[in-house]
Amino acid sequence: MEGGVWGKKRFLSSKRLGGVLREQRAKLYIIRRCVVMLLCWHD
């Protein structure tokens, strides 16, 4: 039983980590899009 609980805990933590990474990537993507739009407007 203990092994199963540990496996579940590890799975949840890794899933949460993936979500955080995805959020950061999404933020970077949005920021990049804003920068590109601003540069295009300046032209």
C-alpha atoms as a PDB file:
ATOM      1  CA  MET A   1       0.000   0.000   0.000  1.00  0.00           C
ATOM      2  CA  GLU A   2       2.781   2.437   0.955  1.00  0.00           C
ATOM      3  CA  GLY A   3       4.424   2.032  -2.447  1.00  0.00           C
ATOM      4  CA  GLY A   4       1.147   2.846  -4.202  1.00  0.00           C
ATOM      5  CA  VAL A   5       0.639   5.990  -2.113  1.00  0.00           C
ATOM      6  CA  TRP A   6       4.187   7.168  -2.868  1.00  0.00           C
ATOM      7  CA  GLY A   7       3.674   6.531  -6.585  1.00  0.00           C
ATOM      8  CA  LYS A   8       0.453   8.539  -6.560  1.00  0.00           C
ATOM      9  CA  LYS A   9       2.131  11.412  -4.699  1.00  0.00           C
ATOM     10  CA  ARG A  10       5.018  11.501  -7.167  1.00  0.00           C
ATOM     11  CA  PHE A  11       2.583  11.432 -10.109  1.00  0.00           C
ATOM     12  CA  LEU A  12       0.592  14.345  -8.693  1.00  0.00           C
ATOM     13  CA  SER A  13       3.710  16.434  -8.034  1.00  0.00           C
ATOM     14  CA  SER A  14       5.075  15.781 -11.533  1.00  0.00           C
ATOM     15  CA  LYS A  15       1.681  16.673 -13.014  1.00  0.00           C
ATOM     16  CA  ARG A  16       1.620  19.944 -11.054  1.00  0.00           C
ATOM     17  CA  LEU A  17       5.177  20.729 -12.189  1.00  0.00           C
ATOM     18  CA  GLY A  18       4.125  20.200 -15.810  1.00  0.00           C
ATOM     19  CA  GLY A  19       1.225  22.595 -15.322  1.00  0.00           C
ATOM     20  CA  VAL A  20       3.548  25.262 -13.919  1.00  0.00           C
ATOM     21  CA  LEU A  21       5.957  24.829 -16.833  1.00  0.00           C
ATOM     22  CA  ARG A  22       3.076  25.077 -19.300  1.00  0.00           C
ATOM     23  CA  GLU A  23       1.845  28.274 -17.583  1.00  0.00           C
ATOM     24  CA  GLN A  24       5.309  29.854 -17.809  1.00  0.00           C
ATOM     25  CA  ARG A  25       5.584  28.884 -21.472  1.00  0.00           C
ATOM     26  CA  ALA A  26       2.148  30.407 -22.143  1.00  0.00           C
ATOM     27  CA  LYS A  27       3.191  33.658 -20.411  1.00  0.00           C
ATOM     28  CA  LEU A  28       6.403  33.799 -22.449  1.00  0.00           C
ATOM     29  CA  TYR A  29       4.390  33.213 -25.642  1.00  0.00           C
ATOM     30  CA  ILE A  30       1.940  36.007 -24.794  1.00  0.00           C
ATOM     31  CA  ILE A  31       4.777  38.415 -23.919  1.00  0.00           C
ATOM     32  CA  ARG A  32       6.541  37.585 -27.183  1.00  0.00           C
ATOM     33  CA  ARG A  33       3.330  38.202 -29.149  1.00  0.00           C
ATOM     34  CA  CYS A  34       2.911  41.599 -27.430  1.00  0.00           C
ATOM     35  CA  VAL A  35       6.517  42.555 -28.248  1.00  0.00           C
ATOM     36  CA  VAL A  36       6.063  41.546 -31.886  1.00  0.00           C
ATOM     37  CA  MET A  37       2.828  43.549 -32.128  1.00  0.00           C
ATOM     38  CA  LEU A  38       4.507  46.619 -30.603  1.00  0.00           C
ATOM     39  CA  LEU A  39       7.460  46.317 -33.012  1.00  0.00           C
ATOM     40  CA  CYS A  40       5.083  45.960 -35.961  1.00  0.00           C
ATOM     41  CA  TRP A  41       3.100  49.021 -34.851  1.00  0.00           C
ATOM     42  CA  HIS A  42       6.303  51.087 -34.610  1.00  0.00           C
ATOM     43  CA  ASP A  43       7.030  50.264 -38.253  1.00  0.00           C
END
